[in-house]
Amino acid sequence: MDQKIIVALDAMGGDLAPMETVKGAVDAVKEMNVLVKLVGREEDVKRELAKYTYPKEKIEVVHAEEVISTDEVPTMAIRKKKNSSMVVGMQLVKNGEADAFVSAGSTGALLTGSLLIVGRLPGVERPVLGTCLPTKNGFTFLVDSGANVDCKAKYLEQFGKMGSVYVENVFGKKNPSVALVNIGAEKEKGDSLTKEAYELLEVSDLNFVGNIEPRNIPFGEADVIVCDGFVGNTILKFAEGLSKTLVDIIKSEITKGAYKIAAAMLVKPFRNVKKYFDADEVGGAPFIGLKSLVVKAHGSSNAKAFKNAIRQCVLFKEADIVGKIQDKL
């Protein structure tokens, strides 16, 4: 696309802000046709920018004096801190001054602000948080991974549709397969929510492949995994902890005694495996079903993660995901 895509980035959000947010923005503008608006305390942001050489016309600084911390009540923080980096960034999107917004700040505040400021698309019951999980075949897209704890069956049907649109158009998987998380593969398994959702998904125009047990998710049996936010967030947190534990155990075992020589030879393969499970490769979880894209980056995101979150925004805009979701629903 010839026209620059504009991404607003919360320069003050995350554990490593503004150092890593600014570096991520600099790396992004060097690689992509994008204008990044860094939203935060102008003095702090410009001090970081002064460390780098980059095309000056591709980064703007938008001053926002306040910062929303993770220990604040989300609704109160969004309503009271109008001049926070998060609220100002989302206002840029609402006013058409940015195409998307990225933040590694408070998840609760970001999701609340997204609904109150950016707003959901007409016809969308509940916007959904999607997360890429590594599998043997590449990855699967988990929806919902934490935005909606209490759901109705029709919400889950929409999650499947929005997730399918996202995977097909952003990641290039044609007619992605969609599965419903359940305690068994049989249609009659599960509670009333999953049984009703199964019926809706089965008659939809999706490539629905039935139920999937959590243990089969890593095998890559489906491209989109549908569940409510409570189940999805539990799966996500367990997967994060398990992958880190396995890497630590393997590292500890192969560096003992006589294995040290073999460990030196296996550095590259293990580095590749670690990259496979690296969330920074994706950059963040998209909050889809809104009028514009909002991406939630991990609180400990580094420059690489922020750069890839910006890339995700560019792909989202180029693929016109908002328009395609409206058509799908």
Protein backbone atom coordinates (compact mmCIF):
# COMPACT_ATOMS: atom_id res chain seq x y z
CA MET A 1 0.00 0.00 0.00
CA ASP A 2 1.26 3.48 -0.87
CA GLN A 3 -0.57 5.19 1.96
CA LYS A 4 1.17 5.08 5.31
CA ILE A 5 -0.62 3.21 8.05
CA ILE A 6 -0.66 5.06 11.36
CA VAL A 7 -0.14 3.15 14.59
CA ALA A 8 -0.41 4.77 18.02
CA LEU A 9 1.92 3.16 20.57
CA ASP A 10 1.60 3.59 24.33
CA ALA A 11 5.17 4.69 25.00
CA MET A 12 4.71 4.46 28.79
CA GLY A 13 3.02 1.04 28.94
CA GLY A 14 4.91 -2.04 30.12
CA ASP A 15 7.72 -2.96 32.49
CA LEU A 16 10.46 -1.75 30.14
CA ALA A 17 8.91 1.52 28.95
CA PRO A 18 9.87 3.90 27.49
CA MET A 19 13.23 2.35 26.49
CA GLU A 20 11.87 -0.71 24.70
CA THR A 21 8.72 0.93 23.33
CA VAL A 22 10.77 3.66 21.65
CA LYS A 23 13.35 1.21 20.29
CA GLY A 24 10.55 -1.00 18.95
CA ALA A 25 9.01 1.99 17.17
CA VAL A 26 12.37 2.93 15.65
CA ASP A 27 12.95 -0.62 14.42
CA ALA A 28 9.42 -0.73 12.96
CA VAL A 29 9.67 2.48 10.92
CA LYS A 30 12.96 1.30 9.43
CA GLU A 31 11.29 -1.86 8.09
CA MET A 32 7.70 -0.87 7.33
CA ASN A 33 5.67 1.79 5.56
CA VAL A 34 4.18 3.02 8.82
CA LEU A 35 3.90 6.19 10.86
CA VAL A 36 4.19 5.55 14.61
CA LYS A 37 2.73 8.01 17.09
CA LEU A 38 4.50 7.53 20.41
CA VAL A 39 2.10 8.56 23.15
CA GLY A 40 3.59 9.47 26.51
CA ARG A 41 5.60 11.99 28.46
CA GLU A 42 7.23 14.04 25.74
CA GLU A 43 10.48 14.71 27.57
CA ASP A 44 11.04 11.04 28.41
CA VAL A 45 10.14 9.82 24.92
CA LYS A 46 12.32 12.36 23.11
CA ARG A 47 15.24 11.53 25.39
CA GLU A 48 15.03 7.92 24.23
CA LEU A 49 14.53 8.86 20.57
CA ALA A 50 17.72 10.94 20.66
CA LYS A 51 19.71 7.69 20.99
CA TYR A 52 18.74 6.52 17.50
CA THR A 53 19.02 7.42 13.86
CA TYR A 54 15.73 6.95 12.02
CA PRO A 55 13.49 8.63 9.39
CA LYS A 56 12.17 11.54 11.45
CA GLU A 57 9.02 11.94 9.37
CA LYS A 58 7.87 8.44 10.39
CA ILE A 59 7.69 9.00 14.16
CA GLU A 60 5.63 11.59 16.01
CA VAL A 61 5.47 12.22 19.73
CA VAL A 62 2.06 12.89 21.28
CA HIS A 63 2.32 14.23 24.83
CA ALA A 64 0.36 12.53 27.60
CA GLU A 65 1.35 13.36 31.16
CA GLU A 66 -0.36 10.56 33.08
CA VAL A 67 0.22 6.81 33.22
CA ILE A 68 -2.30 4.14 34.23
CA SER A 69 -0.70 1.58 36.54
CA THR A 70 -1.62 -2.10 36.75
CA ASP A 71 -2.94 -1.79 40.31
CA GLU A 72 -5.63 0.78 39.47
CA VAL A 73 -9.31 -0.07 39.05
CA PRO A 74 -9.70 -0.16 35.23
CA THR A 75 -12.99 1.72 34.85
CA MET A 76 -12.02 4.44 37.31
CA ALA A 77 -8.59 4.84 35.74
CA ILE A 78 -10.01 5.24 32.22
CA ARG A 79 -12.62 7.76 33.39
CA LYS A 80 -10.33 9.83 35.63
CA LYS A 81 -7.01 9.79 33.77
CA LYS A 82 -8.09 11.45 30.54
CA ASN A 83 -4.51 12.59 29.88
CA SER A 84 -2.94 9.15 30.32
CA SER A 85 -0.92 7.61 27.50
CA MET A 86 -3.48 4.81 27.16
CA VAL A 87 -6.56 7.03 26.94
CA VAL A 88 -4.91 9.58 24.63
CA GLY A 89 -3.72 6.77 22.35
CA MET A 90 -7.19 5.26 22.06
CA GLN A 91 -8.68 8.71 21.45
CA LEU A 92 -6.34 9.04 18.46
CA VAL A 93 -7.89 5.86 17.06
CA LYS A 94 -11.43 6.98 17.83
CA ASN A 95 -10.85 10.34 16.10
CA GLY A 96 -9.37 8.73 12.99
CA GLU A 97 -5.86 10.04 13.71
CA ALA A 98 -4.49 6.48 14.01
CA ASP A 99 -5.48 3.15 12.47
CA ALA A 100 -4.58 1.00 15.47
CA PHE A 101 -3.31 1.16 19.04
CA VAL A 102 -0.71 -0.95 20.87
CA SER A 103 -0.13 -1.03 24.63
CA ALA A 104 1.69 -3.23 27.14
CA GLY A 105 -0.05 -1.49 30.03
CA SER A 106 -2.84 -2.70 32.30
CA THR A 107 -4.90 -5.37 30.53
CA GLY A 108 -8.07 -4.49 32.41
CA ALA A 109 -7.77 -0.80 31.64
CA LEU A 110 -6.96 -1.48 28.00
CA LEU A 111 -9.97 -3.75 27.48
CA THR A 112 -12.26 -1.34 29.34
CA GLY A 113 -10.96 1.65 27.39
CA SER A 114 -11.26 -0.20 24.11
CA LEU A 115 -14.97 -0.73 24.68
CA LEU A 116 -15.68 2.74 26.06
CA ILE A 117 -13.51 4.75 23.65
CA VAL A 118 -12.84 2.78 20.46
CA GLY A 119 -16.18 0.97 20.56
CA ARG A 120 -17.30 -2.36 19.16
CA LEU A 121 -18.42 -3.02 15.62
CA PRO A 122 -22.19 -3.07 14.95
CA GLY A 123 -23.43 -6.63 15.31
CA VAL A 124 -20.53 -7.78 17.50
CA GLU A 125 -21.86 -9.14 20.78
CA ARG A 126 -18.47 -9.16 22.53
CA PRO A 127 -15.03 -8.25 21.14
CA VAL A 128 -12.56 -11.06 21.70
CA LEU A 129 -8.92 -11.32 22.75
CA GLY A 130 -6.96 -13.67 20.52
CA THR A 131 -3.60 -15.29 21.31
CA CYS A 132 -1.29 -17.37 19.12
CA LEU A 133 -0.26 -20.64 20.77
CA PRO A 134 2.67 -22.66 19.35
CA THR A 135 1.84 -26.12 18.02
CA LYS A 136 3.66 -28.92 16.24
CA ASN A 137 2.40 -27.53 12.91
CA GLY A 138 3.09 -23.86 13.61
CA PHE A 139 0.46 -22.17 15.74
CA THR A 140 -3.21 -22.05 16.63
CA PHE A 141 -5.26 -18.93 17.38
CA LEU A 142 -6.98 -19.08 20.78
CA VAL A 143 -10.21 -17.04 21.14
CA ASP A 144 -11.10 -15.95 23.79
CA SER A 145 -7.91 -15.76 25.85
CA GLY A 146 -9.25 -13.61 28.67
CA ALA A 147 -11.59 -10.78 27.70
CA ASN A 148 -14.98 -12.43 28.35
CA VAL A 149 -15.25 -14.69 31.39
CA ASP A 150 -19.03 -15.18 31.25
CA CYS A 151 -20.28 -16.11 27.78
CA LYS A 152 -23.34 -17.20 25.87
CA ALA A 153 -23.27 -19.74 23.08
CA LYS A 154 -23.83 -17.07 20.41
CA TYR A 155 -20.74 -15.24 21.70
CA LEU A 156 -18.65 -18.35 21.10
CA GLU A 157 -20.06 -18.66 17.58
CA GLN A 158 -18.97 -15.07 16.86
CA PHE A 159 -15.55 -15.72 18.41
CA GLY A 160 -15.10 -18.52 15.89
CA LYS A 161 -16.12 -16.29 12.99
CA MET A 162 -13.89 -13.39 14.01
CA GLY A 163 -10.96 -15.70 14.72
CA SER A 164 -11.41 -17.38 11.34
CA VAL A 165 -11.38 -14.03 9.51
CA TYR A 166 -8.27 -12.95 11.38
CA VAL A 167 -6.27 -16.14 10.75
CA GLU A 168 -7.25 -16.31 7.08
CA ASN A 169 -6.39 -12.71 6.26
CA VAL A 170 -3.52 -11.87 8.60
CA PHE A 171 -1.73 -15.22 8.63
CA GLY A 172 -2.77 -16.43 5.19
CA LYS A 173 -4.43 -19.73 6.16
CA LYS A 174 -7.23 -20.38 3.70
CA ASN A 175 -10.49 -21.69 5.16
CA PRO A 176 -8.98 -22.23 8.63
CA SER A 177 -10.30 -25.08 10.72
CA VAL A 178 -12.21 -24.14 13.88
CA ALA A 179 -12.57 -26.29 17.00
CA LEU A 180 -14.42 -25.87 20.29
CA VAL A 181 -12.58 -26.56 23.56
CA ASN A 182 -14.32 -29.31 25.51
CA ILE A 183 -13.64 -32.12 27.98
CA GLY A 184 -14.14 -34.72 25.26
CA ALA A 185 -14.24 -34.98 21.48
CA GLU A 186 -17.78 -36.36 21.35
CA LYS A 187 -20.58 -33.97 20.43
CA GLU A 188 -22.62 -34.78 23.52
CA LYS A 189 -19.79 -33.96 25.95
CA GLY A 190 -19.55 -30.75 27.99
CA ASP A 191 -21.84 -28.37 29.82
CA SER A 192 -24.91 -26.60 28.45
CA LEU A 193 -22.79 -23.72 27.09
CA THR A 194 -20.48 -25.88 25.00
CA LYS A 195 -23.32 -28.13 23.80
CA GLU A 196 -25.32 -25.14 22.57
CA ALA A 197 -22.23 -23.53 21.04
CA TYR A 198 -21.46 -26.78 19.23
CA GLU A 199 -24.90 -26.72 17.61
CA LEU A 200 -24.39 -23.13 16.39
CA LEU A 201 -20.88 -23.72 15.10
CA GLU A 202 -21.90 -26.94 13.36
CA VAL A 203 -24.49 -25.17 11.17
CA SER A 204 -22.39 -22.06 10.55
CA ASP A 205 -20.37 -21.40 7.40
CA LEU A 206 -17.13 -22.06 9.27
CA ASN A 207 -14.81 -25.00 8.69
CA PHE A 208 -15.88 -26.44 12.04
CA VAL A 209 -14.09 -29.67 12.96
CA GLY A 210 -15.84 -30.36 16.27
CA ASN A 211 -14.62 -30.47 19.85
CA ILE A 212 -10.98 -30.47 20.87
CA GLU A 213 -9.56 -31.53 24.22
CA PRO A 214 -6.92 -29.17 25.66
CA ARG A 215 -4.26 -31.92 25.50
CA ASN A 216 -4.65 -32.04 21.70
CA ILE A 217 -4.22 -28.30 21.13
CA PRO A 218 -0.37 -28.52 20.87
CA PHE A 219 -0.71 -31.11 18.08
CA GLY A 220 -2.10 -28.43 15.76
CA GLU A 221 -5.41 -30.17 15.08
CA ALA A 222 -7.21 -26.85 14.44
CA ASP A 223 -6.23 -23.35 13.30
CA VAL A 224 -8.73 -21.54 15.56
CA ILE A 225 -9.62 -22.68 19.07
CA VAL A 226 -12.85 -21.33 20.58
CA CYS A 227 -13.71 -21.08 24.28
CA ASP A 228 -14.82 -18.56 26.90
CA GLY A 229 -12.28 -16.20 28.41
CA PHE A 230 -11.98 -18.10 31.70
CA VAL A 231 -11.07 -21.37 30.01
CA GLY A 232 -8.88 -19.62 27.43
CA ASN A 233 -6.87 -17.65 29.97
CA THR A 234 -6.37 -20.80 32.04
CA ILE A 235 -5.04 -22.64 28.97
CA LEU A 236 -2.79 -19.70 28.11
CA LYS A 237 -1.30 -19.31 31.59
CA PHE A 238 -0.70 -23.06 31.94
CA ALA A 239 0.97 -23.22 28.53
CA GLU A 240 3.26 -20.30 29.42
CA GLY A 241 4.29 -21.89 32.70
CA LEU A 242 4.74 -25.38 31.24
CA SER A 243 6.90 -24.24 28.31
CA LYS A 244 9.19 -22.23 30.62
CA THR A 245 9.45 -25.12 33.06
CA LEU A 246 10.36 -27.62 30.32
CA VAL A 247 13.02 -25.32 28.89
CA ASP A 248 14.52 -24.80 32.36
CA ILE A 249 14.52 -28.54 33.13
CA ILE A 250 16.14 -29.46 29.81
CA LYS A 251 18.75 -26.72 30.19
CA SER A 252 19.55 -27.91 33.70
CA GLU A 253 19.86 -31.57 32.68
CA ILE A 254 22.05 -31.16 29.59
CA THR A 255 24.53 -28.87 31.32
CA LYS A 256 25.38 -31.44 33.99
CA GLY A 257 28.76 -33.17 34.00
CA ALA A 258 29.54 -35.17 30.87
CA TYR A 259 26.60 -33.67 28.99
CA LYS A 260 28.24 -30.23 28.80
CA ILE A 261 30.06 -31.03 25.54
CA ALA A 262 26.83 -32.26 23.96
CA ALA A 263 25.06 -29.16 25.26
CA ALA A 264 27.51 -26.93 23.42
CA MET A 265 26.67 -28.74 20.18
CA LEU A 266 22.94 -28.34 20.78
CA VAL A 267 22.94 -24.59 21.39
CA LYS A 268 21.56 -23.74 17.94
CA PRO A 269 18.76 -26.37 17.91
CA PHE A 270 17.61 -25.35 21.38
CA ARG A 271 17.73 -21.69 20.39
CA ASN A 272 15.42 -22.55 17.49
CA VAL A 273 13.06 -24.37 19.84
CA LYS A 274 13.02 -21.43 22.23
CA LYS A 275 12.19 -19.12 19.31
CA TYR A 276 9.27 -21.39 18.51
CA PHE A 277 7.74 -20.58 21.90
CA ASP A 278 8.76 -16.91 21.87
CA ALA A 279 5.70 -14.64 22.23
CA ASP A 280 7.80 -11.71 20.99
CA GLU A 281 7.63 -13.19 17.48
CA VAL A 282 3.92 -12.31 17.36
CA GLY A 283 4.08 -9.14 19.43
CA GLY A 284 0.78 -9.23 21.26
CA ALA A 285 -2.83 -10.35 21.47
CA PRO A 286 -5.27 -8.55 19.14
CA PHE A 287 -8.56 -7.37 20.61
CA ILE A 288 -10.83 -7.91 17.62
CA GLY A 289 -14.45 -6.99 17.04
CA LEU A 290 -13.76 -3.30 17.67
CA LYS A 291 -14.09 -0.47 15.15
CA SER A 292 -10.28 -0.46 14.93
CA LEU A 293 -7.55 -2.81 16.09
CA VAL A 294 -6.20 -2.69 19.63
CA VAL A 295 -3.23 -4.95 20.46
CA LYS A 296 -2.37 -5.98 24.01
CA ALA A 297 1.37 -6.56 24.29
CA HIS A 298 2.82 -8.54 27.20
CA GLY A 299 3.84 -6.45 30.20
CA SER A 300 7.47 -7.52 29.83
CA SER A 301 7.59 -6.90 26.06
CA ASN A 302 10.90 -5.87 24.53
CA ALA A 303 11.63 -3.86 21.39
CA LYS A 304 11.23 -6.93 19.18
CA ALA A 305 7.74 -7.55 20.56
CA PHE A 306 6.67 -3.95 20.03
CA LYS A 307 8.00 -3.99 16.47
CA ASN A 308 6.07 -7.16 15.69
CA ALA A 309 2.92 -5.77 17.35
CA ILE A 310 3.18 -2.79 14.99
CA ARG A 311 3.65 -5.20 12.08
CA GLN A 312 0.48 -6.99 13.15
CA CYS A 313 -1.38 -3.66 13.01
CA VAL A 314 -0.08 -3.01 9.49
CA LEU A 315 -1.22 -6.44 8.28
CA PHE A 316 -4.60 -5.98 9.96
CA LYS A 317 -5.21 -2.66 8.21
CA GLU A 318 -3.94 -3.84 4.83
CA ALA A 319 -6.23 -6.88 4.98
CA ASP A 320 -9.26 -4.75 5.97
CA ILE A 321 -10.12 -7.09 8.84
CA VAL A 322 -12.78 -4.72 10.18
CA GLY A 323 -14.64 -4.80 6.88
CA LYS A 324 -14.29 -8.57 6.54
CA ILE A 325 -15.60 -9.18 10.08
CA GLN A 326 -18.62 -7.02 9.31
CA ASP A 327 -19.26 -9.06 6.17
CA LYS A 328 -18.83 -12.34 8.05
CA LEU A 329 -21.29 -11.40 10.76
